[in-house]
């Protein structure tokens, strides 16, 4: 009888551990909300919105990195975090004066690629609108700082979202 009581207690303890939902063991799509993604963001990055995409099987994230000296300026970014992540991250470029966030590519998301992109912090109205160049912060962001800080922030979030202990493979398209 004593042996059975010990076995039941051990079984109950194991069941509690295995059945308890913990954020550390939650699947990626279970953490697709603004608060959870903000907790994964590095200092200086703000997650403004995060939500699962209906039939797309991915988490859509929108945020920004605030740059300083010169600044402040907001460099917008977006991330697509697929449920079936294949360990590969693709940063999508837009070209020209930037100013817009590149659209998510459904075919790449379906194949498990995490996608990210930025507006480079220019605030341009179209790809040929270079009026931002009179603003020192926007000029610095356009000259490379904006892509750099948004790539760092989005890679940090991707790594945290998938709880990766191994490096992700990183690519750029654009």
N, C-alpha and C. Protein backbone atom coordinates (compact mmCIF):
# COMPACT_ATOMS: atom_id res chain seq x y z
N UNK A 1 0.81 -1.19 0.00
CA UNK A 1 0.00 0.00 0.00
C UNK A 1 0.86 1.25 0.00
N UNK A 2 1.90 1.22 0.79
CA UNK A 2 2.79 2.36 0.89
C UNK A 2 3.46 2.64 -0.47
N UNK A 3 3.85 1.58 -1.18
CA UNK A 3 4.48 1.71 -2.48
C UNK A 3 3.50 2.30 -3.50
N UNK A 4 2.25 1.94 -3.46
CA UNK A 4 1.25 2.47 -4.38
C UNK A 4 1.04 3.96 -4.13
N UNK A 5 1.00 4.40 -2.88
CA UNK A 5 0.83 5.82 -2.55
C UNK A 5 1.96 6.65 -3.13
N UNK A 6 3.18 6.16 -3.01
CA UNK A 6 4.34 6.87 -3.55
C UNK A 6 4.25 6.96 -5.07
N UNK A 7 3.84 5.87 -5.72
CA UNK A 7 3.70 5.85 -7.18
C UNK A 7 2.63 6.82 -7.64
N UNK A 8 1.53 6.89 -6.90
CA UNK A 8 0.45 7.81 -7.27
C UNK A 8 0.91 9.26 -7.14
N UNK A 9 1.64 9.56 -6.06
CA UNK A 9 2.14 10.93 -5.88
C UNK A 9 3.12 11.29 -7.00
N UNK A 10 4.02 10.37 -7.36
CA UNK A 10 4.97 10.60 -8.44
C UNK A 10 4.23 10.80 -9.76
N UNK A 11 3.23 9.96 -10.02
CA UNK A 11 2.44 10.08 -11.25
C UNK A 11 1.70 11.41 -11.32
N UNK A 12 1.13 11.82 -10.19
CA UNK A 12 0.41 13.10 -10.14
C UNK A 12 1.37 14.26 -10.39
N UNK A 13 2.56 14.19 -9.80
CA UNK A 13 3.55 15.25 -9.99
C UNK A 13 3.99 15.31 -11.45
N UNK A 14 4.22 14.17 -12.08
CA UNK A 14 4.60 14.16 -13.49
C UNK A 14 3.48 14.70 -14.38
N UNK A 15 2.26 14.31 -14.08
CA UNK A 15 1.11 14.80 -14.86
C UNK A 15 1.00 16.31 -14.74
N UNK A 16 1.24 16.84 -13.55
CA UNK A 16 1.16 18.28 -13.35
C UNK A 16 2.23 19.00 -14.17
N UNK A 17 3.44 18.48 -14.19
CA UNK A 17 4.52 19.09 -14.96
C UNK A 17 4.22 19.02 -16.45
N UNK A 18 3.77 17.88 -16.93
CA UNK A 18 3.53 17.70 -18.36
C UNK A 18 2.30 18.45 -18.86
N UNK A 19 1.32 18.65 -18.02
CA UNK A 19 0.08 19.27 -18.46
C UNK A 19 0.00 20.76 -18.18
N UNK A 20 0.93 21.28 -17.43
CA UNK A 20 0.90 22.70 -17.10
C UNK A 20 1.37 23.50 -18.30
N UNK A 21 0.61 24.51 -18.68
CA UNK A 21 1.01 25.38 -19.76
C UNK A 21 1.88 26.48 -19.18
N UNK A 22 3.08 26.54 -19.69
CA UNK A 22 4.04 27.53 -19.23
C UNK A 22 4.51 28.34 -20.42
N UNK A 23 4.69 29.67 -20.28
CA UNK A 23 5.17 30.46 -21.40
C UNK A 23 6.48 29.93 -21.96
N UNK A 24 7.32 29.36 -21.12
CA UNK A 24 8.60 28.84 -21.60
C UNK A 24 8.40 27.64 -22.52
N UNK A 25 7.30 26.91 -22.36
CA UNK A 25 7.05 25.74 -23.19
C UNK A 25 5.93 25.96 -24.19
N UNK A 26 5.39 27.16 -24.25
CA UNK A 26 4.32 27.45 -25.18
C UNK A 26 4.85 27.42 -26.62
N UNK A 27 4.02 26.97 -27.55
CA UNK A 27 4.41 26.97 -28.95
C UNK A 27 4.47 28.39 -29.47
N UNK A 28 5.15 28.60 -30.60
CA UNK A 28 5.30 29.96 -31.12
C UNK A 28 3.98 30.71 -31.29
N UNK A 29 2.97 30.08 -31.91
CA UNK A 29 1.73 30.81 -32.17
C UNK A 29 0.98 31.18 -30.89
N UNK A 30 1.26 30.49 -29.80
CA UNK A 30 0.62 30.82 -28.52
C UNK A 30 1.21 32.08 -27.90
N UNK A 31 2.35 32.54 -28.41
CA UNK A 31 2.99 33.74 -27.89
C UNK A 31 2.86 34.90 -28.86
N UNK A 32 1.96 34.82 -29.81
CA UNK A 32 1.80 35.85 -30.82
C UNK A 32 0.81 36.92 -30.35
N UNK A 33 1.28 37.76 -29.44
CA UNK A 33 0.51 38.91 -28.99
C UNK A 33 1.49 40.03 -28.69
N UNK A 34 1.00 41.24 -28.66
CA UNK A 34 1.86 42.41 -28.52
C UNK A 34 2.69 42.37 -27.24
N UNK A 35 2.09 42.03 -26.14
CA UNK A 35 2.80 42.01 -24.85
C UNK A 35 3.94 40.98 -24.85
N UNK A 36 3.66 39.78 -25.32
CA UNK A 36 4.69 38.73 -25.36
C UNK A 36 5.85 39.12 -26.28
N UNK A 37 5.52 39.65 -27.45
CA UNK A 37 6.57 40.03 -28.40
C UNK A 37 7.38 41.22 -27.88
N UNK A 38 6.73 42.15 -27.18
CA UNK A 38 7.47 43.28 -26.61
C UNK A 38 8.48 42.78 -25.57
N UNK A 39 8.10 41.76 -24.81
CA UNK A 39 9.02 41.20 -23.82
C UNK A 39 10.24 40.56 -24.49
N UNK A 40 10.13 40.17 -25.75
CA UNK A 40 11.23 39.56 -26.48
C UNK A 40 12.10 40.59 -27.20
N UNK A 41 11.61 41.83 -27.30
CA UNK A 41 12.32 42.86 -28.06
C UNK A 41 13.53 43.39 -27.29
N UNK A 42 14.57 43.77 -28.02
CA UNK A 42 15.75 44.34 -27.36
C UNK A 42 15.47 45.78 -26.91
N UNK A 43 16.30 46.32 -26.05
CA UNK A 43 16.13 47.72 -25.63
C UNK A 43 16.14 48.64 -26.84
N UNK A 44 15.27 49.64 -26.83
CA UNK A 44 15.18 50.59 -27.94
C UNK A 44 14.19 50.19 -29.01
N UNK A 45 13.70 48.96 -28.96
CA UNK A 45 12.71 48.50 -29.94
C UNK A 45 11.34 48.42 -29.28
N UNK A 46 10.33 48.84 -30.01
CA UNK A 46 8.95 48.81 -29.52
C UNK A 46 8.10 47.98 -30.46
N UNK A 47 7.38 47.02 -29.90
CA UNK A 47 6.42 46.24 -30.68
C UNK A 47 5.08 46.94 -30.54
N UNK A 48 4.58 47.47 -31.63
CA UNK A 48 3.32 48.21 -31.62
C UNK A 48 2.11 47.30 -31.80
N UNK A 49 2.32 46.18 -32.50
CA UNK A 49 1.21 45.30 -32.83
C UNK A 49 1.74 43.91 -33.15
N UNK A 50 1.08 42.89 -32.64
CA UNK A 50 1.40 41.50 -33.00
C UNK A 50 0.11 40.70 -32.95
N UNK A 51 -0.12 39.92 -34.00
CA UNK A 51 -1.34 39.14 -34.06
C UNK A 51 -1.17 37.98 -35.05
N UNK A 52 -1.81 36.84 -34.74
CA UNK A 52 -1.78 35.73 -35.71
C UNK A 52 -2.53 36.13 -36.97
N UNK A 53 -2.00 35.74 -38.11
CA UNK A 53 -2.67 35.97 -39.38
C UNK A 53 -3.64 34.84 -39.63
N UNK A 54 -4.88 35.17 -39.85
CA UNK A 54 -5.95 34.23 -40.05
C UNK A 54 -5.59 32.88 -40.63
N UNK A 55 -5.62 32.74 -41.94
CA UNK A 55 -5.33 31.46 -42.56
C UNK A 55 -3.88 31.32 -42.98
N UNK A 56 -3.05 32.29 -42.60
CA UNK A 56 -1.67 32.29 -43.07
C UNK A 56 -0.70 31.43 -42.29
N UNK A 57 -1.03 31.05 -41.06
CA UNK A 57 -0.14 30.23 -40.25
C UNK A 57 1.10 30.95 -39.78
N UNK A 58 0.97 32.28 -39.59
CA UNK A 58 2.13 33.02 -39.09
C UNK A 58 1.69 34.16 -38.18
N UNK A 59 2.65 34.66 -37.43
CA UNK A 59 2.44 35.80 -36.53
C UNK A 59 2.95 37.05 -37.23
N UNK A 60 2.11 38.06 -37.34
CA UNK A 60 2.47 39.32 -37.98
C UNK A 60 2.81 40.34 -36.89
N UNK A 61 4.01 40.92 -36.98
CA UNK A 61 4.49 41.87 -35.98
C UNK A 61 4.85 43.18 -36.67
N UNK A 62 4.46 44.29 -36.05
CA UNK A 62 4.81 45.63 -36.53
C UNK A 62 5.38 46.39 -35.36
N UNK A 63 6.48 47.09 -35.58
CA UNK A 63 7.09 47.87 -34.51
C UNK A 63 8.05 48.90 -35.06
N UNK A 64 8.87 49.44 -34.16
CA UNK A 64 9.86 50.42 -34.57
C UNK A 64 11.03 50.45 -33.61
N UNK A 65 12.14 50.95 -34.12
CA UNK A 65 13.33 51.20 -33.31
C UNK A 65 13.53 52.71 -33.31
N UNK A 66 13.75 53.28 -32.15
CA UNK A 66 14.00 54.71 -32.06
C UNK A 66 15.51 54.94 -32.11
N UNK A 67 15.94 55.70 -33.12
CA UNK A 67 17.36 56.01 -33.25
C UNK A 67 17.65 57.38 -32.63
N UNK A 68 18.88 57.57 -32.20
CA UNK A 68 19.31 58.82 -31.54
C UNK A 68 20.64 59.29 -32.13
N UNK A 69 20.94 60.54 -31.93
CA UNK A 69 22.25 61.12 -32.17
C UNK A 69 22.75 60.97 -33.60
N UNK A 70 22.19 61.62 -34.60
CA UNK A 70 21.09 62.56 -34.46
C UNK A 70 19.74 61.84 -34.38
N UNK A 71 18.82 62.51 -33.81
CA UNK A 71 17.49 61.95 -33.63
C UNK A 71 16.71 62.76 -32.63
N UNK A 72 15.63 62.24 -32.18
CA UNK A 72 15.13 60.88 -32.39
C UNK A 72 14.41 60.72 -33.73
N UNK A 73 14.40 59.48 -34.17
CA UNK A 73 13.67 59.10 -35.37
C UNK A 73 13.16 57.68 -35.18
N UNK A 74 12.01 57.39 -35.73
CA UNK A 74 11.44 56.04 -35.65
C UNK A 74 11.68 55.31 -36.97
N UNK A 75 12.30 54.14 -36.85
CA UNK A 75 12.54 53.28 -38.00
C UNK A 75 11.55 52.12 -37.87
N UNK A 76 10.58 52.08 -38.77
CA UNK A 76 9.53 51.07 -38.71
C UNK A 76 10.06 49.72 -39.20
N UNK A 77 9.52 48.64 -38.62
CA UNK A 77 9.85 47.30 -39.09
C UNK A 77 8.62 46.42 -39.04
N UNK A 78 8.67 45.34 -39.78
CA UNK A 78 7.64 44.32 -39.74
C UNK A 78 8.33 42.96 -39.73
N UNK A 79 7.66 41.98 -39.13
CA UNK A 79 8.18 40.62 -39.09
C UNK A 79 7.03 39.66 -39.37
N UNK A 80 7.30 38.61 -40.12
CA UNK A 80 6.38 37.50 -40.32
C UNK A 80 7.03 36.27 -39.69
N UNK A 81 6.40 35.71 -38.67
CA UNK A 81 6.95 34.57 -37.94
C UNK A 81 6.09 33.33 -38.20
N UNK A 82 6.53 32.46 -39.14
CA UNK A 82 5.71 31.29 -39.49
C UNK A 82 5.69 30.24 -38.38
N UNK A 83 4.58 29.53 -38.28
CA UNK A 83 4.46 28.45 -37.30
C UNK A 83 5.44 27.33 -37.59
N UNK A 84 5.78 27.12 -38.86
CA UNK A 84 6.67 26.02 -39.27
C UNK A 84 8.08 26.53 -39.59
N UNK A 85 8.66 27.33 -38.70
CA UNK A 85 9.97 27.97 -38.92
C UNK A 85 11.04 26.95 -39.33
N UNK A 86 11.76 27.27 -40.41
CA UNK A 86 12.79 26.37 -40.93
C UNK A 86 14.21 26.77 -40.52
N UNK A 87 14.34 27.76 -39.63
CA UNK A 87 15.65 28.20 -39.17
C UNK A 87 16.28 29.28 -40.03
N UNK A 88 15.51 29.78 -41.02
CA UNK A 88 16.04 30.79 -41.94
C UNK A 88 15.27 32.10 -41.82
N UNK A 89 16.03 33.18 -41.81
CA UNK A 89 15.53 34.56 -41.67
C UNK A 89 15.88 35.31 -42.94
N UNK A 90 14.90 35.98 -43.56
CA UNK A 90 15.14 36.75 -44.77
C UNK A 90 14.73 38.20 -44.50
N UNK A 91 15.69 39.11 -44.69
CA UNK A 91 15.41 40.54 -44.55
C UNK A 91 15.08 41.07 -45.93
N UNK A 92 13.88 41.66 -46.08
CA UNK A 92 13.39 42.12 -47.37
C UNK A 92 13.71 43.61 -47.57
N UNK A 93 14.42 43.93 -48.63
CA UNK A 93 14.72 45.32 -48.95
C UNK A 93 13.64 45.91 -49.83
N UNK A 94 13.59 47.27 -49.87
CA UNK A 94 12.58 47.92 -50.70
C UNK A 94 13.19 48.79 -51.79
N UNK A 95 14.43 49.26 -51.64
CA UNK A 95 15.08 50.06 -52.65
C UNK A 95 14.62 51.50 -52.68
N UNK A 96 15.21 52.28 -53.58
CA UNK A 96 14.88 53.69 -53.74
C UNK A 96 15.03 54.46 -52.44
N UNK A 97 14.07 55.32 -52.18
CA UNK A 97 14.06 56.13 -50.96
C UNK A 97 13.45 55.38 -49.79
N UNK A 98 13.15 54.11 -50.00
CA UNK A 98 12.49 53.28 -48.97
C UNK A 98 11.17 53.94 -48.61
N UNK A 99 10.91 54.14 -47.33
CA UNK A 99 9.70 54.82 -46.90
C UNK A 99 8.50 53.93 -46.70
N UNK A 100 8.50 52.76 -47.28
CA UNK A 100 7.39 51.83 -47.05
C UNK A 100 7.94 50.51 -46.57
N UNK A 101 7.10 49.78 -45.87
CA UNK A 101 7.49 48.47 -45.37
C UNK A 101 7.16 47.44 -46.45
N UNK A 102 8.11 46.55 -46.76
CA UNK A 102 7.84 45.57 -47.81
C UNK A 102 6.72 44.61 -47.41
N UNK A 103 5.94 44.17 -48.37
CA UNK A 103 4.87 43.21 -48.06
C UNK A 103 5.45 41.84 -47.72
N UNK A 104 4.74 41.11 -46.88
CA UNK A 104 5.13 39.74 -46.56
C UNK A 104 4.92 38.89 -47.81
N UNK A 105 5.77 37.93 -48.04
CA UNK A 105 5.68 37.06 -49.21
C UNK A 105 5.09 35.72 -48.76
N UNK A 106 3.82 35.47 -49.07
CA UNK A 106 3.14 34.27 -48.60
C UNK A 106 3.86 32.96 -48.96
N UNK A 107 4.47 32.90 -50.14
CA UNK A 107 5.14 31.66 -50.55
C UNK A 107 6.33 31.35 -49.64
N UNK A 108 7.09 32.38 -49.25
CA UNK A 108 8.22 32.16 -48.35
C UNK A 108 7.76 31.82 -46.94
N UNK A 109 6.72 32.50 -46.48
CA UNK A 109 6.18 32.18 -45.14
C UNK A 109 5.69 30.74 -45.10
N UNK A 110 5.03 30.30 -46.16
CA UNK A 110 4.51 28.93 -46.20
C UNK A 110 5.64 27.90 -46.17
N UNK A 111 6.82 28.29 -46.66
CA UNK A 111 7.97 27.38 -46.65
C UNK A 111 8.77 27.50 -45.36
N UNK A 112 8.29 28.31 -44.39
CA UNK A 112 8.91 28.37 -43.07
C UNK A 112 9.94 29.45 -42.87
N UNK A 113 10.09 30.38 -43.81
CA UNK A 113 11.05 31.46 -43.65
C UNK A 113 10.47 32.56 -42.76
N UNK A 114 11.23 33.01 -41.76
CA UNK A 114 10.86 34.20 -41.01
C UNK A 114 11.26 35.39 -41.87
N UNK A 115 10.35 36.34 -42.06
CA UNK A 115 10.61 37.49 -42.92
C UNK A 115 10.60 38.77 -42.10
N UNK A 116 11.44 39.71 -42.50
CA UNK A 116 11.48 41.01 -41.84
C UNK A 116 11.77 42.08 -42.88
N UNK A 117 11.36 43.30 -42.58
CA UNK A 117 11.64 44.42 -43.47
C UNK A 117 11.50 45.72 -42.72
N UNK A 118 11.93 46.81 -43.36
CA UNK A 118 11.91 48.11 -42.72
C UNK A 118 11.60 49.20 -43.73
N UNK A 119 11.19 50.37 -43.23
CA UNK A 119 11.03 51.55 -44.07
C UNK A 119 12.30 52.39 -44.07
N UNK A 120 13.34 51.93 -43.37
CA UNK A 120 14.64 52.60 -43.25
C UNK A 120 14.56 53.95 -42.54
N UNK A 121 13.41 54.27 -41.97
CA UNK A 121 13.28 55.49 -41.20
C UNK A 121 13.18 56.77 -41.99
N UNK A 122 12.95 56.67 -43.30
CA UNK A 122 12.96 57.88 -44.13
C UNK A 122 11.64 58.65 -44.10
N UNK A 123 10.54 57.96 -43.95
CA UNK A 123 9.24 58.63 -44.02
C UNK A 123 8.90 59.05 -45.44
N UNK A 124 9.61 58.53 -46.43
CA UNK A 124 9.37 58.89 -47.83
C UNK A 124 7.96 58.47 -48.25
N UNK A 125 7.36 59.26 -49.11
CA UNK A 125 6.01 58.98 -49.59
C UNK A 125 6.01 57.96 -50.73
N UNK A 126 7.13 57.85 -51.44
CA UNK A 126 7.28 56.87 -52.52
C UNK A 126 8.77 56.61 -52.72
N UNK A 127 9.11 55.70 -53.62
CA UNK A 127 10.50 55.29 -53.80
C UNK A 127 11.40 56.38 -54.39
N UNK A 128 10.82 57.46 -54.93
CA UNK A 128 11.63 58.54 -55.49
C UNK A 128 11.53 59.84 -54.69
N UNK A 129 10.97 59.78 -53.48
CA UNK A 129 10.81 60.96 -52.61
C UNK A 129 12.01 61.05 -51.66
N UNK A 130 12.99 61.87 -52.03
CA UNK A 130 14.19 62.03 -51.21
C UNK A 130 14.16 63.32 -50.39
N UNK A 131 12.98 63.88 -50.15
CA UNK A 131 12.88 65.13 -49.38
C UNK A 131 13.34 64.95 -47.93
N UNK A 132 13.43 63.73 -47.44
CA UNK A 132 13.86 63.47 -46.07
C UNK A 132 15.33 63.84 -45.85
N UNK A 133 16.10 64.03 -46.91
CA UNK A 133 17.54 64.24 -46.79
C UNK A 133 17.90 65.51 -46.04
N UNK A 134 16.97 66.44 -45.87
CA UNK A 134 17.26 67.66 -45.10
C UNK A 134 17.16 67.40 -43.59
N UNK A 135 16.68 66.23 -43.21
CA UNK A 135 16.56 65.85 -41.80
C UNK A 135 17.76 64.96 -41.44
N UNK A 136 18.68 65.43 -40.57
CA UNK A 136 19.90 64.67 -40.28
C UNK A 136 19.64 63.25 -39.74
N UNK A 137 18.62 63.08 -38.92
CA UNK A 137 18.32 61.75 -38.37
C UNK A 137 17.83 60.81 -39.46
N UNK A 138 16.92 61.28 -40.29
CA UNK A 138 16.41 60.44 -41.38
C UNK A 138 17.49 60.14 -42.41
N UNK A 139 18.36 61.11 -42.66
CA UNK A 139 19.48 60.89 -43.58
C UNK A 139 20.41 59.80 -43.03
N UNK A 140 20.74 59.87 -41.73
CA UNK A 140 21.62 58.86 -41.11
C UNK A 140 20.97 57.48 -41.16
N UNK A 141 19.67 57.43 -40.92
CA UNK A 141 18.97 56.15 -40.98
C UNK A 141 18.95 55.60 -42.40
N UNK A 142 18.72 56.46 -43.38
CA UNK A 142 18.71 56.04 -44.78
C UNK A 142 20.08 55.52 -45.22
N UNK A 143 21.15 56.13 -44.74
CA UNK A 143 22.50 55.77 -45.15
C UNK A 143 22.98 54.44 -44.55
N UNK A 144 22.14 53.77 -43.81
CA UNK A 144 22.49 52.44 -43.33
C UNK A 144 22.09 52.15 -41.90
N UNK A 145 22.01 53.18 -41.08
CA UNK A 145 21.69 52.95 -39.67
C UNK A 145 20.32 52.32 -39.50
N UNK A 146 19.33 52.77 -40.27
CA UNK A 146 17.96 52.26 -40.13
C UNK A 146 17.85 50.77 -40.44
N UNK A 147 18.47 50.33 -41.51
CA UNK A 147 18.45 48.91 -41.85
C UNK A 147 19.20 48.11 -40.79
N UNK A 148 20.34 48.65 -40.34
CA UNK A 148 21.14 47.95 -39.34
C UNK A 148 20.36 47.74 -38.04
N UNK A 149 19.78 48.80 -37.49
CA UNK A 149 19.09 48.66 -36.19
C UNK A 149 17.83 47.82 -36.30
N UNK A 150 17.12 47.92 -37.43
CA UNK A 150 15.91 47.10 -37.57
C UNK A 150 16.26 45.64 -37.82
N UNK A 151 17.34 45.37 -38.54
CA UNK A 151 17.77 43.97 -38.73
C UNK A 151 18.20 43.36 -37.40
N UNK A 152 18.93 44.12 -36.60
CA UNK A 152 19.34 43.61 -35.28
C UNK A 152 18.12 43.32 -34.41
N UNK A 153 17.18 44.25 -34.36
CA UNK A 153 16.00 44.09 -33.51
C UNK A 153 15.15 42.91 -33.98
N UNK A 154 14.93 42.80 -35.29
CA UNK A 154 14.07 41.72 -35.78
C UNK A 154 14.73 40.35 -35.61
N UNK A 155 16.04 40.27 -35.80
CA UNK A 155 16.73 39.00 -35.57
C UNK A 155 16.68 38.60 -34.10
N UNK A 156 16.79 39.57 -33.23
CA UNK A 156 16.69 39.31 -31.79
C UNK A 156 15.31 38.74 -31.45
N UNK A 157 14.27 39.35 -32.00
CA UNK A 157 12.91 38.89 -31.75
C UNK A 157 12.69 37.49 -32.32
N UNK A 158 13.17 37.24 -33.54
CA UNK A 158 13.01 35.92 -34.16
C UNK A 158 13.67 34.85 -33.29
N UNK A 159 14.88 35.10 -32.86
CA UNK A 159 15.61 34.14 -32.03
C UNK A 159 14.86 33.87 -30.72
N UNK A 160 14.35 34.92 -30.09
CA UNK A 160 13.60 34.75 -28.82
C UNK A 160 12.26 34.05 -29.06
N UNK A 161 11.57 34.40 -30.13
CA UNK A 161 10.25 33.83 -30.41
C UNK A 161 10.31 32.31 -30.57
N UNK A 162 11.35 31.85 -31.25
CA UNK A 162 11.50 30.42 -31.47
C UNK A 162 12.38 29.75 -30.43
N UNK A 163 12.79 30.50 -29.41
CA UNK A 163 13.64 29.97 -28.33
C UNK A 163 14.83 29.21 -28.91
N UNK A 164 15.52 29.87 -29.83
CA UNK A 164 16.65 29.25 -30.52
C UNK A 164 17.91 29.30 -29.67
N UNK A 165 18.56 28.18 -29.53
CA UNK A 165 19.87 28.16 -28.88
C UNK A 165 20.96 28.08 -29.94
N UNK A 166 20.58 27.75 -31.16
CA UNK A 166 21.53 27.72 -32.27
C UNK A 166 21.28 28.94 -33.15
N UNK A 167 22.30 29.41 -33.85
CA UNK A 167 22.11 30.60 -34.70
C UNK A 167 21.12 30.34 -35.83
N UNK A 168 20.44 31.40 -36.24
CA UNK A 168 19.56 31.32 -37.40
C UNK A 168 20.41 31.60 -38.65
N UNK A 169 19.96 31.09 -39.79
CA UNK A 169 20.62 31.40 -41.06
C UNK A 169 19.99 32.70 -41.57
N UNK A 170 20.82 33.69 -41.92
CA UNK A 170 20.32 35.00 -42.27
C UNK A 170 20.61 35.34 -43.74
N UNK A 171 19.59 35.92 -44.39
CA UNK A 171 19.69 36.28 -45.80
C UNK A 171 19.07 37.66 -46.00
N UNK A 172 19.44 38.33 -47.09
CA UNK A 172 18.80 39.59 -47.44
C UNK A 172 18.34 39.49 -48.90
N UNK A 173 17.17 40.05 -49.17
CA UNK A 173 16.61 40.06 -50.51
C UNK A 173 16.28 41.50 -50.84
N UNK A 174 16.84 42.01 -51.88
CA UNK A 174 16.53 43.38 -52.25
C UNK A 174 17.70 44.05 -52.77
